[in-house]
Amino acid sequence: MKEEQPPVIQQPIIEQPVIEKRDTSGIKTEEKKGNPVVSEKPAKPEPTISLQEDIFCKKSQVLRAQRRISSKLKVQVEIVEQWDFYRVIIPGFSTSEETYNYYPELAGLGYPGAAIIEKK
């Protein structure tokens, strides 16, 4: 006798829905593939160094020094009052090397006692 084989029942193929994965790594796809991504220039560091030119007792002296230095060197000059004294400050340097060019010019104006002040 012939053995009967049970009928083959084909089950329908159920396709799984395609789920897109979102990129949560924060890395652009161009970076993942190895393509370089051009970014903006790095931000210039905030100026933290100032040049203290001199200390005066009288306000008239410090105002005169401020006018002379700012007109000859074309730089911003600030006056800081501390206790009973006035300090002449040239701010806006990122490194101490940037101040080196000003020493001979300030000495030529009659202010040889420049000192570096670092803001922390």
N, C-alpha and C. Protein backbone atom coordinates (compact mmCIF):
# COMPACT_ATOMS: atom_id res chain seq x y z
N MET A 1 0.79 -1.15 0.00
CA MET A 1 0.00 0.00 0.00
C MET A 1 0.85 1.24 0.00
N LYS A 2 0.34 2.13 -0.59
CA LYS A 2 1.04 3.38 -0.69
C LYS A 2 0.76 4.24 0.52
N GLU A 3 1.83 4.70 1.02
CA GLU A 3 1.63 5.55 2.16
C GLU A 3 1.31 6.95 1.66
N GLU A 4 0.31 7.47 2.22
CA GLU A 4 -0.10 8.80 1.78
C GLU A 4 0.64 9.85 2.60
N GLN A 5 1.08 10.77 1.90
CA GLN A 5 1.76 11.86 2.57
C GLN A 5 0.73 12.92 2.93
N PRO A 6 0.93 13.48 4.06
CA PRO A 6 -0.03 14.52 4.42
C PRO A 6 0.13 15.71 3.48
N PRO A 7 -0.94 16.35 3.21
CA PRO A 7 -0.86 17.49 2.30
C PRO A 7 0.00 18.61 2.91
N VAL A 8 0.77 19.23 2.08
CA VAL A 8 1.63 20.32 2.53
C VAL A 8 0.80 21.60 2.52
N ILE A 9 0.76 22.19 3.64
CA ILE A 9 0.00 23.43 3.76
C ILE A 9 1.01 24.58 3.79
N GLN A 10 0.86 25.41 2.85
CA GLN A 10 1.77 26.57 2.80
C GLN A 10 1.18 27.70 3.62
N GLN A 11 2.00 28.13 4.51
CA GLN A 11 1.53 29.24 5.33
C GLN A 11 1.86 30.55 4.61
N PRO A 12 1.01 31.50 4.73
CA PRO A 12 1.28 32.77 4.07
C PRO A 12 2.52 33.43 4.70
N ILE A 13 3.30 34.08 3.87
CA ILE A 13 4.49 34.77 4.34
C ILE A 13 4.08 36.15 4.82
N ILE A 14 4.39 36.39 6.04
CA ILE A 14 4.05 37.68 6.62
C ILE A 14 5.32 38.53 6.64
N GLU A 15 5.26 39.62 5.95
CA GLU A 15 6.43 40.50 5.91
C GLU A 15 6.42 41.41 7.12
N GLN A 16 7.60 41.50 7.71
CA GLN A 16 7.74 42.39 8.86
C GLN A 16 7.83 43.83 8.35
N PRO A 17 7.21 44.77 9.04
CA PRO A 17 7.33 46.15 8.60
C PRO A 17 8.78 46.62 8.78
N VAL A 18 9.21 47.47 7.86
CA VAL A 18 10.57 48.00 7.93
C VAL A 18 10.59 49.14 8.93
N ILE A 19 11.45 49.00 9.90
CA ILE A 19 11.57 50.04 10.93
C ILE A 19 12.88 50.78 10.69
N GLU A 20 12.75 52.07 10.50
CA GLU A 20 13.96 52.87 10.29
C GLU A 20 14.55 53.22 11.64
N LYS A 21 15.84 53.03 11.74
CA LYS A 21 16.53 53.40 12.97
C LYS A 21 17.00 54.83 12.84
N ARG A 22 16.74 55.58 13.86
CA ARG A 22 17.19 56.97 13.88
C ARG A 22 18.60 57.03 14.44
N ASP A 23 19.36 57.93 13.87
CA ASP A 23 20.73 58.11 14.30
C ASP A 23 20.74 59.00 15.54
N THR A 24 21.04 58.42 16.67
CA THR A 24 21.07 59.18 17.92
C THR A 24 22.50 59.42 18.39
N SER A 25 23.46 59.05 17.58
CA SER A 25 24.86 59.21 17.99
C SER A 25 25.32 60.65 17.87
N GLY A 26 24.65 61.47 17.10
CA GLY A 26 25.05 62.85 16.91
C GLY A 26 26.13 63.02 15.86
N ILE A 27 26.56 61.94 15.23
CA ILE A 27 27.59 62.00 14.20
C ILE A 27 26.90 62.01 12.85
N LYS A 28 27.31 62.93 12.02
CA LYS A 28 26.71 63.00 10.69
C LYS A 28 27.09 61.77 9.89
N THR A 29 26.21 61.40 8.95
CA THR A 29 26.48 60.20 8.16
C THR A 29 27.73 60.34 7.32
N GLU A 30 28.06 61.57 6.92
CA GLU A 30 29.28 61.76 6.14
C GLU A 30 30.51 61.42 6.98
N GLU A 31 30.42 61.72 8.29
CA GLU A 31 31.54 61.43 9.16
C GLU A 31 31.71 59.93 9.34
N LYS A 32 30.59 59.19 9.41
CA LYS A 32 30.67 57.76 9.60
C LYS A 32 31.30 57.07 8.41
N LYS A 33 31.05 57.58 7.23
CA LYS A 33 31.58 56.96 6.02
C LYS A 33 33.05 57.30 5.81
N GLY A 34 33.57 58.17 6.60
CA GLY A 34 34.97 58.52 6.45
C GLY A 34 35.19 59.78 5.65
N ASN A 35 34.14 60.40 5.17
CA ASN A 35 34.29 61.64 4.42
C ASN A 35 34.52 62.78 5.41
N PRO A 36 35.51 63.60 5.19
CA PRO A 36 35.75 64.69 6.13
C PRO A 36 34.63 65.72 6.03
N VAL A 37 34.26 66.23 7.18
CA VAL A 37 33.24 67.26 7.25
C VAL A 37 33.94 68.56 7.57
N VAL A 38 33.72 69.57 6.77
CA VAL A 38 34.36 70.85 6.97
C VAL A 38 33.59 71.60 8.05
N SER A 39 34.33 72.00 9.08
CA SER A 39 33.68 72.74 10.16
C SER A 39 34.20 74.17 10.14
N GLU A 40 33.55 75.00 10.96
CA GLU A 40 33.95 76.39 11.04
C GLU A 40 35.29 76.49 11.76
N LYS A 41 35.93 77.66 11.62
CA LYS A 41 37.18 77.88 12.31
C LYS A 41 36.94 77.79 13.82
N PRO A 42 37.91 77.27 14.54
CA PRO A 42 37.74 77.24 16.00
C PRO A 42 37.70 78.67 16.53
N ALA A 43 36.91 78.85 17.54
CA ALA A 43 36.74 80.18 18.11
C ALA A 43 38.05 80.65 18.73
N LYS A 44 38.35 81.91 18.52
CA LYS A 44 39.56 82.47 19.10
C LYS A 44 39.35 82.54 20.61
N PRO A 45 40.37 82.17 21.38
CA PRO A 45 40.20 82.19 22.82
C PRO A 45 39.93 83.60 23.33
N GLU A 46 39.18 83.66 24.38
CA GLU A 46 38.83 84.95 24.97
C GLU A 46 40.09 85.61 25.54
N PRO A 47 40.28 86.89 25.29
CA PRO A 47 41.47 87.56 25.82
C PRO A 47 41.47 87.53 27.34
N THR A 48 42.56 87.04 27.90
CA THR A 48 42.67 86.94 29.35
C THR A 48 43.87 87.68 29.92
N ILE A 49 44.63 88.33 29.06
CA ILE A 49 45.84 89.01 29.51
C ILE A 49 45.73 90.50 29.21
N SER A 50 46.14 91.29 30.19
CA SER A 50 46.17 92.74 30.03
C SER A 50 47.58 93.22 30.36
N LEU A 51 47.86 94.41 29.92
CA LEU A 51 49.15 95.03 30.18
C LEU A 51 48.91 96.23 31.10
N GLN A 52 49.44 96.14 32.31
CA GLN A 52 49.32 97.28 33.23
C GLN A 52 50.49 98.19 32.99
N GLU A 53 50.19 99.40 32.59
CA GLU A 53 51.26 100.32 32.22
C GLU A 53 51.84 101.03 33.42
N ASP A 54 51.00 101.62 34.24
CA ASP A 54 51.53 102.39 35.36
C ASP A 54 50.42 102.60 36.38
N ILE A 55 50.83 103.09 37.56
CA ILE A 55 49.89 103.41 38.63
C ILE A 55 50.13 104.87 39.01
N PHE A 56 49.02 105.62 39.11
CA PHE A 56 49.12 107.04 39.42
C PHE A 56 48.28 107.37 40.64
N CYS A 57 48.68 108.47 41.32
CA CYS A 57 47.93 108.95 42.49
C CYS A 57 46.87 109.97 42.09
N LYS A 58 47.14 110.74 41.05
CA LYS A 58 46.23 111.81 40.64
C LYS A 58 45.47 111.42 39.38
N LYS A 59 44.21 111.79 39.37
CA LYS A 59 43.37 111.47 38.22
C LYS A 59 43.83 112.20 36.96
N SER A 60 44.33 113.40 37.11
CA SER A 60 44.80 114.16 35.94
C SER A 60 45.98 113.45 35.27
N GLN A 61 46.85 112.83 36.07
CA GLN A 61 47.98 112.09 35.51
C GLN A 61 47.53 110.87 34.71
N VAL A 62 46.57 110.15 35.25
CA VAL A 62 46.11 108.93 34.58
C VAL A 62 45.34 109.26 33.30
N LEU A 63 44.60 110.35 33.30
CA LEU A 63 43.87 110.75 32.09
C LEU A 63 44.84 111.17 30.99
N ARG A 64 45.91 111.84 31.39
CA ARG A 64 46.94 112.24 30.42
C ARG A 64 47.62 110.99 29.83
N ALA A 65 47.96 110.04 30.68
CA ALA A 65 48.59 108.80 30.21
C ALA A 65 47.66 108.03 29.28
N GLN A 66 46.39 107.99 29.61
CA GLN A 66 45.40 107.29 28.77
C GLN A 66 45.34 107.92 27.38
N ARG A 67 45.27 109.25 27.32
CA ARG A 67 45.22 109.95 26.04
C ARG A 67 46.47 109.71 25.21
N ARG A 68 47.64 109.81 25.84
CA ARG A 68 48.91 109.64 25.11
C ARG A 68 49.04 108.23 24.55
N ILE A 69 48.77 107.24 25.38
CA ILE A 69 48.95 105.84 24.95
C ILE A 69 47.94 105.47 23.87
N SER A 70 46.68 105.84 24.07
CA SER A 70 45.66 105.45 23.08
C SER A 70 45.86 106.17 21.75
N SER A 71 46.32 107.43 21.77
CA SER A 71 46.52 108.14 20.50
C SER A 71 47.77 107.66 19.76
N LYS A 72 48.85 107.37 20.48
CA LYS A 72 50.10 106.95 19.83
C LYS A 72 50.05 105.49 19.38
N LEU A 73 49.51 104.61 20.21
CA LEU A 73 49.53 103.17 19.91
C LEU A 73 48.24 102.67 19.27
N LYS A 74 47.22 103.49 19.23
CA LYS A 74 45.92 103.12 18.64
C LYS A 74 45.34 101.86 19.30
N VAL A 75 45.36 101.84 20.64
CA VAL A 75 44.80 100.72 21.40
C VAL A 75 43.82 101.26 22.42
N GLN A 76 42.97 100.37 22.90
CA GLN A 76 42.02 100.72 23.94
C GLN A 76 42.77 100.77 25.27
N VAL A 77 42.57 101.83 26.03
CA VAL A 77 43.22 101.98 27.32
C VAL A 77 42.15 102.20 28.37
N GLU A 78 42.20 101.40 29.43
CA GLU A 78 41.22 101.52 30.51
C GLU A 78 41.88 102.08 31.75
N ILE A 79 41.06 102.74 32.55
CA ILE A 79 41.52 103.25 33.85
C ILE A 79 40.77 102.47 34.92
N VAL A 80 41.52 101.90 35.85
CA VAL A 80 40.91 101.15 36.94
C VAL A 80 41.29 101.86 38.24
N GLU A 81 40.25 102.24 39.00
CA GLU A 81 40.50 102.89 40.28
C GLU A 81 40.51 101.82 41.36
N GLN A 82 41.59 101.80 42.14
CA GLN A 82 41.71 100.82 43.22
C GLN A 82 42.26 101.55 44.44
N TRP A 83 41.46 101.58 45.50
CA TRP A 83 41.75 102.35 46.70
C TRP A 83 41.95 103.81 46.30
N ASP A 84 43.08 104.39 46.57
CA ASP A 84 43.32 105.79 46.21
C ASP A 84 44.24 105.93 45.01
N PHE A 85 44.36 104.87 44.23
CA PHE A 85 45.27 104.87 43.08
C PHE A 85 44.51 104.59 41.79
N TYR A 86 45.12 104.99 40.69
CA TYR A 86 44.56 104.76 39.36
C TYR A 86 45.54 103.93 38.55
N ARG A 87 45.03 102.87 37.94
CA ARG A 87 45.89 101.99 37.14
C ARG A 87 45.55 102.16 35.66
N VAL A 88 46.58 102.22 34.81
CA VAL A 88 46.40 102.31 33.37
C VAL A 88 46.55 100.90 32.81
N ILE A 89 45.48 100.40 32.17
CA ILE A 89 45.43 99.01 31.70
C ILE A 89 45.17 98.99 30.19
N ILE A 90 45.94 98.16 29.47
CA ILE A 90 45.69 97.90 28.05
C ILE A 90 45.19 96.45 27.96
N PRO A 91 43.89 96.23 27.77
CA PRO A 91 43.35 94.86 27.76
C PRO A 91 43.33 94.26 26.35
N GLY A 92 42.96 92.97 26.29
CA GLY A 92 42.66 92.35 25.01
C GLY A 92 43.73 91.47 24.41
N PHE A 93 44.60 90.90 25.21
CA PHE A 93 45.63 90.01 24.69
C PHE A 93 45.30 88.57 25.06
N SER A 94 45.57 87.64 24.14
CA SER A 94 45.32 86.22 24.40
C SER A 94 46.57 85.52 24.95
N THR A 95 47.74 86.00 24.55
CA THR A 95 49.00 85.43 25.03
C THR A 95 49.93 86.54 25.45
N SER A 96 50.89 86.20 26.29
CA SER A 96 51.84 87.21 26.74
C SER A 96 52.76 87.66 25.60
N GLU A 97 52.96 86.78 24.61
CA GLU A 97 53.81 87.13 23.47
C GLU A 97 53.23 88.30 22.67
N GLU A 98 51.92 88.45 22.68
CA GLU A 98 51.29 89.55 21.95
C GLU A 98 51.64 90.91 22.56
N THR A 99 52.03 90.93 23.82
CA THR A 99 52.34 92.19 24.49
C THR A 99 53.76 92.68 24.23
N TYR A 100 54.64 91.79 23.75
CA TYR A 100 56.06 92.12 23.61
C TYR A 100 56.32 93.34 22.72
N ASN A 101 55.55 93.52 21.69
CA ASN A 101 55.77 94.65 20.77
C ASN A 101 55.49 96.00 21.43
N TYR A 102 54.73 96.00 22.52
CA TYR A 102 54.33 97.27 23.14
C TYR A 102 55.36 97.80 24.13
N TYR A 103 56.23 96.96 24.67
CA TYR A 103 57.19 97.42 25.67
C TYR A 103 58.10 98.54 25.16
N PRO A 104 58.76 98.40 24.00
CA PRO A 104 59.63 99.49 23.55
C PRO A 104 58.85 100.77 23.23
N GLU A 105 57.68 100.62 22.68
CA GLU A 105 56.89 101.80 22.33
C GLU A 105 56.43 102.54 23.59
N LEU A 106 56.00 101.78 24.60
CA LEU A 106 55.58 102.41 25.86
C LEU A 106 56.76 103.07 26.56
N ALA A 107 57.92 102.43 26.51
CA ALA A 107 59.11 103.02 27.12
C ALA A 107 59.48 104.32 26.40
N GLY A 108 59.29 104.35 25.08
CA GLY A 108 59.55 105.56 24.31
C GLY A 108 58.61 106.69 24.66
N LEU A 109 57.42 106.36 25.14
CA LEU A 109 56.46 107.38 25.56
C LEU A 109 56.70 107.83 27.00
N GLY A 110 57.64 107.16 27.68
CA GLY A 110 57.94 107.54 29.06
C GLY A 110 57.29 106.64 30.09
N TYR A 111 56.84 105.47 29.68
CA TYR A 111 56.21 104.52 30.59
C TYR A 111 56.95 103.17 30.54
N PRO A 112 58.11 103.08 31.19
CA PRO A 112 58.90 101.87 31.09
C PRO A 112 58.47 100.74 32.03
N GLY A 113 57.55 100.98 32.93
CA GLY A 113 57.22 99.98 33.96
C GLY A 113 56.03 99.11 33.64
N ALA A 114 55.92 98.58 32.45
CA ALA A 114 54.77 97.73 32.07
C ALA A 114 54.87 96.37 32.75
N ALA A 115 53.69 95.83 33.11
CA ALA A 115 53.63 94.51 33.73
C ALA A 115 52.42 93.77 33.17
N ILE A 116 52.53 92.45 33.08
CA ILE A 116 51.44 91.62 32.56
C ILE A 116 50.51 91.24 33.71
N ILE A 117 49.21 91.35 33.43
CA ILE A 117 48.18 90.93 34.39
C ILE A 117 47.35 89.85 33.71
N GLU A 118 47.20 88.70 34.37
CA GLU A 118 46.43 87.61 33.80
C GLU A 118 45.12 87.45 34.54
N LYS A 119 44.03 87.42 33.79
CA LYS A 119 42.69 87.24 34.35
C LYS A 119 42.44 85.75 34.49
N LYS A 120 42.05 85.31 35.66
CA LYS A 120 41.80 83.89 35.89
C LYS A 120 40.35 83.61 36.08
